[in-house]
Amino acid sequence: MFTLAISWGWRTDNPASGFRKRVENARERFLSQDEIARLAEALDAAEDQRAAGIIRMCLLTGSRVGEVRQARFEQFNLELGSWAKPATTTKQRKIHRIPISAEVAAIVRQRQLVVPKGNPWLFPGDVPGQPVKEIRRFWINMQKEARLPEVRIHDLRHTFASLLVSGGSSLEMIGKLLGHSQMQTTQRYAHLMDSPLRAGVDAVASMLRPRPKIVHDADVASRNLADDQRSA
């Protein structure tokens, strides 16, 4: 703003030039299998299944909550199993096409049954012609029910990425599924690769590990021999 003011001749200096951006440490929080199970149970029992569907899609696709809230039926190709997110809803401001699982397709079909005909929104809001605007109150309730007080909705995106890593997906594949425009954004998940790599190293080590040998006690062997001779 001040740089533009200088170019317009409104100012001769930039009072913000001496400030430096604070270094941010990206927070990483991944749900465990037990936590995912508790969340799934809370979502199944929730009265507001519209908001529950949004949370499920966030976890099943790794999408941002804004992308899911503004999803439209026309963006989904259930025959090919894909979702084309428009540039207006993505952070990178580009069309982002991703494959969807059978579970996500089932959510879309279920929404087709409950959403009135002619309404384009997958999750229509209370204001006519608009999608759901806010689910913060619903998420706070889910945090209590699933005993996940510190977990944010955005952490579901990190959890999706961590599950991909544990499944053997490459960082390049994860970046494409999450819609990252820069590889360095995906690199935050690189350390998660240690677990499958370590499992591979351990597998090789187990092949080369010396097998235990059976060692007989010399005294026992000699006594057995003596007994055999006496019986003969």
Protein backbone atom coordinates (compact mmCIF):
# COMPACT_ATOMS: atom_id res chain seq x y z
CA MET A 1 0.00 0.00 0.00
CA PHE A 2 2.75 2.46 0.91
CA THR A 3 4.83 1.47 -2.13
CA LEU A 4 1.87 2.29 -4.33
CA ALA A 5 1.37 5.58 -2.50
CA ILE A 6 5.01 6.52 -3.25
CA SER A 7 4.56 5.67 -6.95
CA TRP A 8 1.50 7.95 -7.02
CA GLY A 9 3.43 10.75 -5.34
CA TRP A 10 1.29 10.72 -2.22
CA ARG A 11 4.26 9.89 0.03
CA THR A 12 8.02 10.21 -0.17
CA ASP A 13 8.88 7.31 2.14
CA ASN A 14 7.61 3.91 3.24
CA PRO A 15 7.24 3.72 7.05
CA ALA A 16 6.81 -0.07 6.85
CA SER A 17 10.13 -0.69 5.07
CA GLY A 18 11.97 -1.54 8.30
CA PHE A 19 9.61 -4.33 9.32
CA ARG A 20 10.28 -7.97 8.59
CA LYS A 21 7.73 -10.73 8.33
CA ARG A 22 7.58 -13.01 11.32
CA VAL A 23 8.79 -16.52 10.56
CA GLU A 24 5.86 -18.90 10.74
CA ASN A 25 6.17 -22.50 11.83
CA ALA A 26 3.56 -24.55 10.01
CA ARG A 27 1.50 -26.54 12.47
CA GLU A 28 1.16 -30.24 11.83
CA ARG A 29 -1.51 -32.30 13.54
CA PHE A 30 -2.47 -35.73 12.26
CA LEU A 31 -5.35 -37.78 13.60
CA SER A 32 -4.61 -41.31 14.73
CA GLN A 33 -6.72 -44.29 13.67
CA ASP A 34 -8.49 -44.21 17.02
CA GLU A 35 -9.22 -40.48 16.69
CA ILE A 36 -10.58 -40.97 13.17
CA ALA A 37 -12.86 -43.72 14.47
CA ARG A 38 -14.16 -41.44 17.26
CA LEU A 39 -14.79 -38.63 14.79
CA ALA A 40 -16.61 -40.97 12.40
CA GLU A 41 -18.82 -42.17 15.25
CA ALA A 42 -19.63 -38.59 16.27
CA LEU A 43 -20.47 -37.64 12.68
CA ASP A 44 -22.80 -40.63 12.31
CA ALA A 45 -24.66 -39.62 15.48
CA ALA A 46 -24.85 -35.90 14.60
CA GLU A 47 -28.28 -34.37 14.08
CA ASP A 48 -27.00 -32.03 11.35
CA GLN A 49 -26.04 -34.49 8.62
CA ARG A 50 -25.53 -31.65 6.15
CA ALA A 51 -22.59 -30.31 8.17
CA ALA A 52 -21.45 -33.88 8.89
CA GLY A 53 -21.25 -34.50 5.14
CA ILE A 54 -18.98 -31.48 4.74
CA ILE A 55 -16.59 -32.80 7.40
CA ARG A 56 -16.60 -36.26 5.85
CA MET A 57 -15.68 -34.87 2.44
CA CYS A 58 -12.88 -32.79 3.94
CA LEU A 59 -11.31 -35.94 5.37
CA LEU A 60 -12.04 -38.17 2.38
CA THR A 61 -10.64 -35.76 -0.23
CA GLY A 62 -8.15 -33.59 1.69
CA SER A 63 -10.01 -30.54 0.37
CA ARG A 64 -10.28 -27.22 2.13
CA VAL A 65 -13.57 -26.62 3.91
CA GLY A 66 -14.35 -23.67 1.63
CA GLU A 67 -13.99 -25.87 -1.45
CA VAL A 68 -16.41 -28.42 0.01
CA ARG A 69 -18.93 -25.84 1.22
CA GLN A 70 -19.14 -24.32 -2.27
CA ALA A 71 -19.21 -27.61 -4.18
CA ARG A 72 -21.87 -27.90 -6.89
CA PHE A 73 -23.43 -31.04 -8.36
CA GLU A 74 -22.26 -30.13 -11.85
CA GLN A 75 -18.62 -30.38 -10.76
CA PHE A 76 -18.86 -34.14 -10.09
CA ASN A 77 -18.60 -36.86 -12.72
CA LEU A 78 -19.79 -39.95 -10.91
CA GLU A 79 -19.23 -42.22 -13.90
CA LEU A 80 -15.55 -41.31 -14.13
CA GLY A 81 -15.24 -40.73 -10.39
CA SER A 82 -13.85 -37.19 -10.48
CA TRP A 83 -14.40 -33.74 -9.00
CA ALA A 84 -13.46 -30.60 -10.94
CA LYS A 85 -13.05 -27.74 -8.48
CA PRO A 86 -13.47 -24.35 -10.17
CA ALA A 87 -10.72 -21.75 -9.98
CA THR A 88 -13.00 -19.46 -7.96
CA THR A 89 -12.92 -21.79 -4.95
CA THR A 90 -9.31 -23.04 -5.01
CA LYS A 91 -6.44 -21.29 -3.26
CA GLN A 92 -4.22 -21.58 -6.34
CA ARG A 93 -6.95 -19.96 -8.49
CA LYS A 94 -6.78 -22.78 -11.01
CA ILE A 95 -9.18 -25.57 -11.92
CA HIS A 96 -8.27 -28.56 -9.79
CA ARG A 97 -9.46 -32.01 -10.89
CA ILE A 98 -9.12 -34.89 -8.49
CA PRO A 99 -10.32 -38.50 -8.43
CA ILE A 100 -12.92 -39.34 -5.79
CA SER A 101 -13.49 -42.56 -3.90
CA ALA A 102 -16.67 -44.61 -3.87
CA GLU A 103 -17.43 -43.16 -0.43
CA VAL A 104 -17.36 -39.60 -1.77
CA ALA A 105 -19.52 -40.60 -4.73
CA ALA A 106 -22.00 -42.10 -2.23
CA ILE A 107 -22.15 -38.77 -0.37
CA VAL A 108 -22.89 -36.94 -3.64
CA ARG A 109 -25.67 -39.41 -4.52
CA GLN A 110 -27.14 -39.10 -1.04
CA ARG A 111 -27.17 -35.30 -1.35
CA GLN A 112 -28.95 -35.63 -4.70
CA LEU A 113 -31.78 -37.37 -2.86
CA VAL A 114 -32.23 -34.74 -0.12
CA VAL A 115 -31.43 -31.48 -1.95
CA PRO A 116 -34.45 -30.01 -3.77
CA LYS A 117 -34.40 -30.36 -7.55
CA GLY A 118 -32.87 -27.37 -9.30
CA ASN A 119 -30.64 -26.38 -6.38
CA PRO A 120 -27.03 -26.48 -7.67
CA TRP A 121 -25.31 -26.62 -4.27
CA LEU A 122 -24.21 -29.90 -2.78
CA PHE A 123 -24.67 -28.33 0.65
CA PRO A 124 -27.23 -25.52 0.28
CA GLY A 125 -27.34 -22.99 3.10
CA ASP A 126 -30.19 -21.45 5.01
CA VAL A 127 -30.11 -18.37 2.77
CA PRO A 128 -31.90 -19.20 -0.51
CA GLY A 129 -29.52 -19.52 -3.46
CA GLN A 130 -26.40 -19.70 -1.28
CA PRO A 131 -24.25 -22.59 0.02
CA VAL A 132 -23.57 -23.27 3.70
CA LYS A 133 -21.66 -20.32 5.08
CA GLU A 134 -20.39 -21.48 8.45
CA ILE A 135 -20.03 -24.77 10.34
CA ARG A 136 -17.83 -23.55 13.19
CA ARG A 137 -20.45 -24.21 15.84
CA PHE A 138 -21.02 -27.71 14.49
CA TRP A 139 -17.29 -28.44 14.54
CA ILE A 140 -16.95 -27.27 18.15
CA ASN A 141 -19.66 -29.78 19.04
CA MET A 142 -17.82 -32.52 17.13
CA GLN A 143 -14.61 -31.68 18.99
CA LYS A 144 -16.43 -32.32 22.27
CA GLU A 145 -18.23 -35.47 21.13
CA ALA A 146 -15.09 -37.04 19.61
CA ARG A 147 -12.79 -35.78 22.38
CA LEU A 148 -10.62 -33.80 19.93
CA PRO A 149 -10.44 -30.38 21.63
CA GLU A 150 -7.33 -29.10 19.83
CA VAL A 151 -8.05 -30.45 16.35
CA ARG A 152 -8.99 -27.98 13.59
CA ILE A 153 -10.95 -28.77 10.46
CA HIS A 154 -7.82 -28.00 8.45
CA ASP A 155 -6.03 -30.80 10.33
CA LEU A 156 -8.24 -33.23 8.41
CA ARG A 157 -6.37 -32.14 5.29
CA HIS A 158 -3.06 -32.97 6.98
CA THR A 159 -4.49 -36.31 8.09
CA PHE A 160 -5.51 -37.12 4.51
CA ALA A 161 -1.93 -36.44 3.39
CA SER A 162 -0.46 -38.57 6.19
CA LEU A 163 -2.72 -41.49 5.22
CA LEU A 164 -1.55 -41.15 1.62
CA VAL A 165 2.07 -41.31 2.79
CA SER A 166 1.43 -44.40 4.89
CA GLY A 167 -0.19 -45.94 1.82
CA GLY A 168 2.98 -45.45 -0.20
CA SER A 169 2.02 -42.37 -2.23
CA SER A 170 4.82 -40.10 -3.46
CA LEU A 171 5.12 -36.44 -2.55
CA GLU A 172 4.38 -35.54 -6.16
CA MET A 173 1.12 -37.47 -6.06
CA ILE A 174 0.16 -35.91 -2.71
CA GLY A 175 0.86 -32.43 -4.07
CA LYS A 176 -1.42 -33.06 -7.05
CA LEU A 177 -4.24 -34.39 -4.90
CA LEU A 178 -4.01 -31.47 -2.48
CA GLY A 179 -3.68 -28.92 -5.27
CA HIS A 180 -0.32 -27.52 -4.20
CA SER A 181 1.15 -25.10 -6.74
CA GLN A 182 4.63 -25.31 -5.17
CA MET A 183 6.53 -28.46 -4.25
CA GLN A 184 7.91 -26.85 -1.12
CA THR A 185 4.39 -26.80 0.32
CA THR A 186 4.18 -30.57 -0.05
CA GLN A 187 7.65 -31.02 1.49
CA ARG A 188 6.15 -30.54 4.95
CA TYR A 189 5.00 -34.15 4.71
CA ALA A 190 8.43 -35.48 3.69
CA HIS A 191 9.35 -36.54 7.22
CA LEU A 192 6.35 -38.87 7.27
CA MET A 193 8.12 -40.93 4.62
CA ASP A 194 10.48 -42.18 7.35
CA SER A 195 8.02 -44.81 8.61
CA PRO A 196 7.54 -46.76 5.34
CA LEU A 197 11.23 -46.31 4.54
CA ARG A 198 12.20 -47.66 7.95
CA ALA A 199 9.85 -50.60 7.45
CA GLY A 200 11.62 -51.37 4.17
CA VAL A 201 15.03 -51.17 5.81
CA ASP A 202 13.87 -53.46 8.63
CA ALA A 203 12.52 -55.95 6.09
CA VAL A 204 15.94 -56.18 4.42
CA ALA A 205 17.65 -56.47 7.79
CA SER A 206 15.39 -59.35 8.79
CA MET A 207 16.48 -61.27 5.69
CA LEU A 208 20.15 -60.89 6.55
CA ARG A 209 19.79 -61.40 10.30
CA PRO A 210 21.63 -64.58 11.44
CA ARG A 211 19.26 -67.38 12.28
CA PRO A 212 19.56 -68.81 15.80
CA LYS A 213 21.39 -72.12 16.03
CA ILE A 214 20.31 -74.97 18.26
CA VAL A 215 23.08 -75.71 20.76
CA HIS A 216 22.88 -78.97 22.74
CA ASP A 217 24.12 -79.16 26.27
CA ALA A 218 27.21 -81.45 26.26
CA ASP A 219 26.37 -83.01 29.64
CA VAL A 220 22.82 -83.82 28.58
CA ALA A 221 24.07 -85.39 25.37
CA SER A 222 26.59 -87.55 27.21
CA ARG A 223 23.97 -88.74 29.73
CA ASN A 224 21.59 -89.65 26.95
CA LEU A 225 24.38 -91.66 25.27
CA ALA A 226 25.15 -93.52 28.51
CA ASP A 227 21.49 -94.37 29.02
CA ASP A 228 21.26 -95.73 25.51
CA GLN A 229 24.32 -97.94 26.07
CA ARG A 230 22.96 -99.37 29.35
CA SER A 231 19.59 -100.15 27.82
CA ALA A 232 21.34 -101.95 24.96
